[in-house]
C-alpha atoms as a PDB file:
ATOM      1  CA  GLN A   1      15.633-103.356  12.464  1.00  0.00           C
ATOM      2  CA  LYS A   2      13.455-100.432  14.008  1.00  0.00           C
ATOM      3  CA  PRO A   3      12.078 -98.027  12.418  1.00  0.00           C
ATOM      4  CA  ILE A   4      13.404 -94.643  12.408  1.00  0.00           C
ATOM      5  CA  LEU A   5      11.688 -91.036  12.402  1.00  0.00           C
ATOM      6  CA  PHE A   6      13.553 -88.378  10.648  1.00  0.00           C
ATOM      7  CA  SER A   7      12.523 -84.972   9.815  1.00  0.00           C
ATOM      8  CA  GLY A   8      14.802 -82.443   7.970  1.00  0.00           C
ATOM      9  CA  GLY A   9      14.632 -79.495   6.634  1.00  0.00           C
ATOM     10  CA  ILE A  10      16.575 -76.329   5.208  1.00  0.00           C
ATOM     11  CA  GLY A  11      16.393 -72.770   5.789  1.00  0.00           C
ATOM     12  CA  LYS A  12      18.418 -69.606   7.312  1.00  0.00           C
ATOM     13  CA  MET A  13      17.407 -67.723  10.293  1.00  0.00           C
ATOM     14  CA  ASP A  14      19.585 -65.116  11.731  1.00  0.00           C
ATOM     15  CA  LYS A  15      20.955 -66.037  15.051  1.00  0.00           C
ATOM     16  CA  ALA A  16      19.421 -63.230  16.396  1.00  0.00           C
ATOM     17  CA  LEU A  17      15.668 -64.407  15.672  1.00  0.00           C
ATOM     18  CA  ARG A  18      16.571 -68.079  17.738  1.00  0.00           C
ATOM     19  CA  THR A  19      15.461 -66.739  20.830  1.00  0.00           C
ATOM     20  CA  LYS A  20      12.385 -66.070  22.295  1.00  0.00           C
ATOM     21  CA  ARG A  21      12.309 -62.458  24.099  1.00  0.00           C
ATOM     22  CA  ARG A  22      10.422 -62.141  27.963  1.00  0.00           C
ATOM     23  CA  PRO A  23       7.017 -60.614  27.624  1.00  0.00           C
ATOM     24  CA  THR A  24       6.794 -57.040  29.214  1.00  0.00           C
ATOM     25  CA  GLN A  25       4.159 -55.467  30.794  1.00  0.00           C
ATOM     26  CA  GLY A  26       2.264 -53.645  28.128  1.00  0.00           C
ATOM     27  CA  GLN A  27       3.173 -55.346  25.372  1.00  0.00           C
ATOM     28  CA  LYS A  28      -0.186 -56.212  23.008  1.00  0.00           C
ATOM     29  CA  VAL A  29      -0.760 -59.851  21.927  1.00  0.00           C
ATOM     30  CA  VAL A  30      -1.816 -60.158  18.449  1.00  0.00           C
ATOM     31  CA  LYS A  31      -2.901 -62.077  15.838  1.00  0.00           C
ATOM     32  CA  ILE A  32      -1.574 -62.432  12.511  1.00  0.00           C
ATOM     33  CA  GLY A  33      -3.535 -64.112   9.504  1.00  0.00           C
ATOM     34  CA  GLY A  34      -6.874 -66.210   9.279  1.00  0.00           C
ATOM     35  CA  PRO A  35      -9.925 -66.230  11.141  1.00  0.00           C
ATOM     36  CA  PRO A  36     -10.697 -68.942  13.352  1.00  0.00           C
ATOM     37  CA  MET A  37     -13.244 -72.069  12.021  1.00  0.00           C
ATOM     38  CA  ARG A  38     -15.151 -74.556  13.434  1.00  0.00           C
ATOM     39  CA  VAL A  39     -13.603 -76.925  11.533  1.00  0.00           C
ATOM     40  CA  GLY A  40     -10.497 -76.665  13.232  1.00  0.00           C
ATOM     41  CA  VAL A  41     -11.338 -77.756  16.816  1.00  0.00           C
ATOM     42  CA  GLY A  42      -9.670 -80.674  17.589  1.00  0.00           C
ATOM     43  CA  GLY A  43      -6.624 -79.795  15.935  1.00  0.00           C
ATOM     44  CA  GLY A  44      -3.900 -82.291  14.373  1.00  0.00           C
ATOM     45  CA  SER A  45      -5.967 -84.494  11.982  1.00  0.00           C
ATOM     46  CA  ALA A  46      -9.319 -83.347  12.841  1.00  0.00           C
ATOM     47  CA  SER A  47      -8.835 -80.095  10.377  1.00  0.00           C
ATOM     48  CA  SER A  48      -8.202 -81.890   7.732  1.00  0.00           C
ATOM     49  CA  LYS A  49     -10.710 -84.628   7.190  1.00  0.00           C
ATOM     50  CA  ALA A  50     -14.219 -85.007   5.944  1.00  0.00           C
ATOM     51  CA  GLN A  51     -16.932 -84.052   8.241  1.00  0.00           C
ATOM     52  CA  GLU A  52     -19.927 -85.115   8.677  1.00  0.00           C
ATOM     53  CA  GLY A  53     -22.205 -84.064   5.571  1.00  0.00           C
ATOM     54  CA  HIS A  54     -19.170 -83.519   3.389  1.00  0.00           C
ATOM     55  CA  ALA A  55     -17.877 -86.702   2.235  1.00  0.00           C
ATOM     56  CA  LYS A  56     -16.552 -86.206  -1.192  1.00  0.00           C
ATOM     57  CA  GLU A  57     -15.272 -82.448   0.328  1.00  0.00           C
ATOM     58  CA  LEU A  58     -12.496 -82.479   2.641  1.00  0.00           C
ATOM     59  CA  ASP A  59     -12.779 -79.281   5.139  1.00  0.00           C
ATOM     60  CA  ALA A  60      -9.628 -78.186   6.018  1.00  0.00           C
ATOM     61  CA  VAL A  61      -8.583 -75.157   8.280  1.00  0.00           C
ATOM     62  CA  GLN A  62      -6.678 -73.838   5.125  1.00  0.00           C
ATOM     63  CA  ARG A  63     -10.110 -74.032   2.908  1.00  0.00           C
ATOM     64  CA  GLY A  64     -11.217 -70.083   3.344  1.00  0.00           C
ATOM     65  CA  ASP A  65      -8.482 -68.567   1.554  1.00  0.00           C
ATOM     66  CA  PRO A  66      -5.329 -70.336  -0.434  1.00  0.00           C
ATOM     67  CA  GLN A  67      -3.526 -67.178  -0.037  1.00  0.00           C
ATOM     68  CA  MET A  68      -3.388 -66.671   3.423  1.00  0.00           C
ATOM     69  CA  GLY A  69      -0.245 -68.155   4.435  1.00  0.00           C
ATOM     70  CA  ASN A  70       1.466 -66.417   2.135  1.00  0.00           C
ATOM     71  CA  ARG A  71       0.267 -62.720   3.404  1.00  0.00           C
ATOM     72  CA  ALA A  72       0.715 -63.946   6.976  1.00  0.00           C
ATOM     73  CA  SER A  73       4.102 -64.908   6.068  1.00  0.00           C
ATOM     74  CA  ARG A  74       5.225 -62.024   4.122  1.00  0.00           C
ATOM     75  CA  VAL A  75       4.145 -60.030   7.256  1.00  0.00           C
ATOM     76  CA  VAL A  76       6.392 -61.566   9.658  1.00  0.00           C
ATOM     77  CA  LYS A  77       9.285 -61.582   7.770  1.00  0.00           C
ATOM     78  CA  ASN A  78       8.747 -58.072   6.825  1.00  0.00           C
ATOM     79  CA  ALA A  79       8.061 -57.425  10.510  1.00  0.00           C
ATOM     80  CA  ALA A  80      11.525 -59.556  12.000  1.00  0.00           C
ATOM     81  CA  ARG A  81      13.430 -57.263   9.399  1.00  0.00           C
ATOM     82  CA  ARG A  82      12.352 -54.453  11.104  1.00  0.00           C
ATOM     83  CA  ASP A  83      12.575 -56.131  14.761  1.00  0.00           C
ATOM     84  CA  LEU A  84       9.404 -55.363  15.624  1.00  0.00           C
ATOM     85  CA  LEU A  85       8.393 -58.630  17.215  1.00  0.00           C
ATOM     86  CA  SER A  86       9.704 -59.707  20.198  1.00  0.00           C
ATOM     87  CA  SER A  87       8.127 -63.175  19.887  1.00  0.00           C
ATOM     88  CA  LEU A  88       6.264 -65.241  17.752  1.00  0.00           C
ATOM     89  CA  HIS A  89       4.285 -68.380  17.704  1.00  0.00           C
ATOM     90  CA  ASP A  90       2.616 -70.297  14.935  1.00  0.00           C
ATOM     91  CA  GLN A  91      -0.922 -71.249  15.390  1.00  0.00           C
ATOM     92  CA  GLY A  92      -1.907 -74.898  15.368  1.00  0.00           C
ATOM     93  CA  ALA A  93      -3.274 -77.835  17.078  1.00  0.00           C
ATOM     94  CA  GLY A  94      -4.191 -76.563  20.991  1.00  0.00           C
ATOM     95  CA  GLY A  95      -5.279 -72.935  19.394  1.00  0.00           C
ATOM     96  CA  ASN A  96      -5.082 -69.901  21.351  1.00  0.00           C
ATOM     97  CA  GLY A  97      -5.125 -72.256  24.819  1.00  0.00           C
ATOM     98  CA  ASN A  98      -1.561 -73.360  23.573  1.00  0.00           C
ATOM     99  CA  VAL A  99      -0.114 -70.526  21.702  1.00  0.00           C
ATOM    100  CA  LEU A 100      -1.375 -67.734  23.854  1.00  0.00           C
ATOM    101  CA  LYS A 101      -0.173 -69.483  27.014  1.00  0.00           C
ATOM    102  CA  GLU A 102       3.220 -69.784  25.961  1.00  0.00           C
ATOM    103  CA  LEU A 103       3.673 -66.627  23.927  1.00  0.00           C
ATOM    104  CA  VAL A 104       3.157 -64.343  27.419  1.00  0.00           C
ATOM    105  CA  ASP A 105       4.689 -67.516  29.658  1.00  0.00           C
ATOM    106  CA  PRO A 106       6.127 -66.932  32.860  1.00  0.00           C
ATOM    107  CA  PHE A 107       3.550 -63.838  33.124  1.00  0.00           C
ATOM    108  CA  GLY A 108       0.114 -63.638  31.985  1.00  0.00           C
ATOM    109  CA  ALA A 109      -1.975 -61.431  29.896  1.00  0.00           C
ATOM    110  CA  ASP A 110      -5.579 -59.270  30.131  1.00  0.00           C
ATOM    111  CA  LEU A 111      -7.388 -61.342  26.672  1.00  0.00           C
ATOM    112  CA  SER A 112     -10.241 -59.623  24.821  1.00  0.00           C
ATOM    113  CA  TYR A 113     -13.037 -62.784  23.812  1.00  0.00           C
ATOM    114  CA  GLU A 114     -14.530 -60.480  21.396  1.00  0.00           C
ATOM    115  CA  SER A 115     -11.079 -59.590  19.535  1.00  0.00           C
ATOM    116  CA  LEU A 116     -10.590 -63.536  19.346  1.00  0.00           C
ATOM    117  CA  ARG A 117     -13.327 -63.698  17.188  1.00  0.00           C
ATOM    118  CA  GLY A 118     -12.035 -61.824  14.884  1.00  0.00           C
ATOM    119  CA  GLU A 119     -13.952 -62.119  11.327  1.00  0.00           C
ATOM    120  CA  SER A 120     -15.248 -65.873  11.310  1.00  0.00           C
ATOM    121  CA  GLY A 121     -18.214 -67.067   9.738  1.00  0.00           C
ATOM    122  CA  ASP A 122     -18.745 -69.398  11.892  1.00  0.00           C
ATOM    123  CA  ALA A 123     -20.366 -69.232  15.207  1.00  0.00           C
ATOM    124  CA  MET A 124     -18.298 -70.094  18.199  1.00  0.00           C
ATOM    125  CA  SER A 125     -18.246 -70.693  21.696  1.00  0.00           C
ATOM    126  CA  PRO A 126     -15.624 -69.363  23.522  1.00  0.00           C
ATOM    127  CA  LEU A 127     -14.222 -72.653  24.245  1.00  0.00           C
ATOM    128  CA  GLU A 128     -14.474 -73.332  20.940  1.00  0.00           C
ATOM    129  CA  LEU A 129     -12.396 -69.985  20.416  1.00  0.00           C
ATOM    130  CA  TRP A 130      -9.919 -71.021  22.550  1.00  0.00           C
ATOM    131  CA  SER A 131      -9.400 -74.584  21.065  1.00  0.00           C
ATOM    132  CA  ALA A 132      -9.384 -74.345  17.434  1.00  0.00           C
ATOM    133  CA  GLU A 133      -6.890 -73.908  15.219  1.00  0.00           C
ATOM    134  CA  TYR A 134      -7.532 -70.571  12.927  1.00  0.00           C
ATOM    135  CA  GLN A 135      -6.096 -70.446   8.604  1.00  0.00           C
ATOM    136  CA  GLU A 136      -2.717 -69.788   8.473  1.00  0.00           C
ATOM    137  CA  ASN A 137      -2.340 -67.546  11.334  1.00  0.00           C
ATOM    138  CA  PHE A 138       0.371 -66.721  14.222  1.00  0.00           C
ATOM    139  CA  ALA A 139       0.641 -65.145  17.926  1.00  0.00           C
ATOM    140  CA  ALA A 140       3.102 -62.540  18.220  1.00  0.00           C
ATOM    141  CA  LEU A 141       4.300 -59.635  21.056  1.00  0.00           C
ATOM    142  CA  VAL A 142       4.438 -55.956  19.815  1.00  0.00           C
ATOM    143  CA  ASP A 143       5.760 -53.381  21.864  1.00  0.00           C
ATOM    144  CA  ALA A 144       2.667 -50.587  22.028  1.00  0.00           C
ATOM    145  CA  ASP A 145       4.267 -48.115  20.180  1.00  0.00           C
ATOM    146  CA  ARG A 146       5.660 -49.954  17.165  1.00  0.00           C
ATOM    147  CA  MET A 147       2.196 -51.186  16.562  1.00  0.00           C
ATOM    148  CA  ASP A 148       1.289 -48.563  13.575  1.00  0.00           C
ATOM    149  CA  GLU A 149       4.219 -49.989  11.880  1.00  0.00           C
ATOM    150  CA  LEU A 150       3.178 -53.594  12.429  1.00  0.00           C
ATOM    151  CA  PHE A 151      -0.546 -52.662  11.058  1.00  0.00           C
ATOM    152  CA  ALA A 152       1.266 -50.567   8.025  1.00  0.00           C
ATOM    153  CA  ILE A 153       2.722 -54.185   6.965  1.00  0.00           C
ATOM    154  CA  ALA A 154      -0.225 -55.937   7.004  1.00  0.00           C
ATOM    155  CA  GLU A 155      -2.287 -53.605   5.107  1.00  0.00           C
ATOM    156  CA  ARG A 156       0.244 -53.474   2.274  1.00  0.00           C
ATOM    157  CA  GLU A 157      -0.052 -57.644   2.330  1.00  0.00           C
ATOM    158  CA  GLY A 158      -3.763 -57.625   2.597  1.00  0.00           C
ATOM    159  CA  CYS A 159      -3.559 -59.451   5.929  1.00  0.00           C
ATOM    160  CA  PRO A 160      -5.505 -59.601   9.090  1.00  0.00           C
ATOM    161  CA  LEU A 161      -3.720 -58.482  11.715  1.00  0.00           C
ATOM    162  CA  THR A 162      -5.588 -58.079  15.469  1.00  0.00           C
ATOM    163  CA  ILE A 163      -4.471 -57.132  18.775  1.00  0.00           C
ATOM    164  CA  VAL A 164      -6.456 -59.271  21.392  1.00  0.00           C
ATOM    165  CA  GLY A 165      -4.951 -58.549  24.229  1.00  0.00           C
ATOM    166  CA  THR A 166      -2.166 -57.036  26.618  1.00  0.00           C
ATOM    167  CA  ALA A 167       0.873 -58.810  28.523  1.00  0.00           C
ATOM    168  CA  GLU A 168       0.942 -58.104  32.028  1.00  0.00           C
END
């Protein structure tokens, strides 16, 4: 008998939130959540394996702040309730090169390298920033005139929020 792969979950989502809206010119590309970390370069299992010189300690992308995932999720949940996010993408393996590209597809965006660096304590090259996982992080598109609302939510939740570019 062949093995069967199965994945399942239980959850609830409003029908209106199932579909990604097309990007529009002038929307802000934002990152919600923790900073980039060099340990996340390579994505997938590479971000959660013991690294050279740390055989006894697991270096995981989530090492910086164990509550960051909760904070970022609360920002997303509250922003969705207010219909602030026209599109959302969680950041995992593939980094910004995957997330930001898919977020603004089929158009493009003017992105700032300096903004992508965020509050990282790791000195990272542009290539590393483009391909690394971040700690519990989402990317979203938000209308420019609603950014103050999103910043207020992020501040209340104690979650970093950075504008990294503008959709074109």
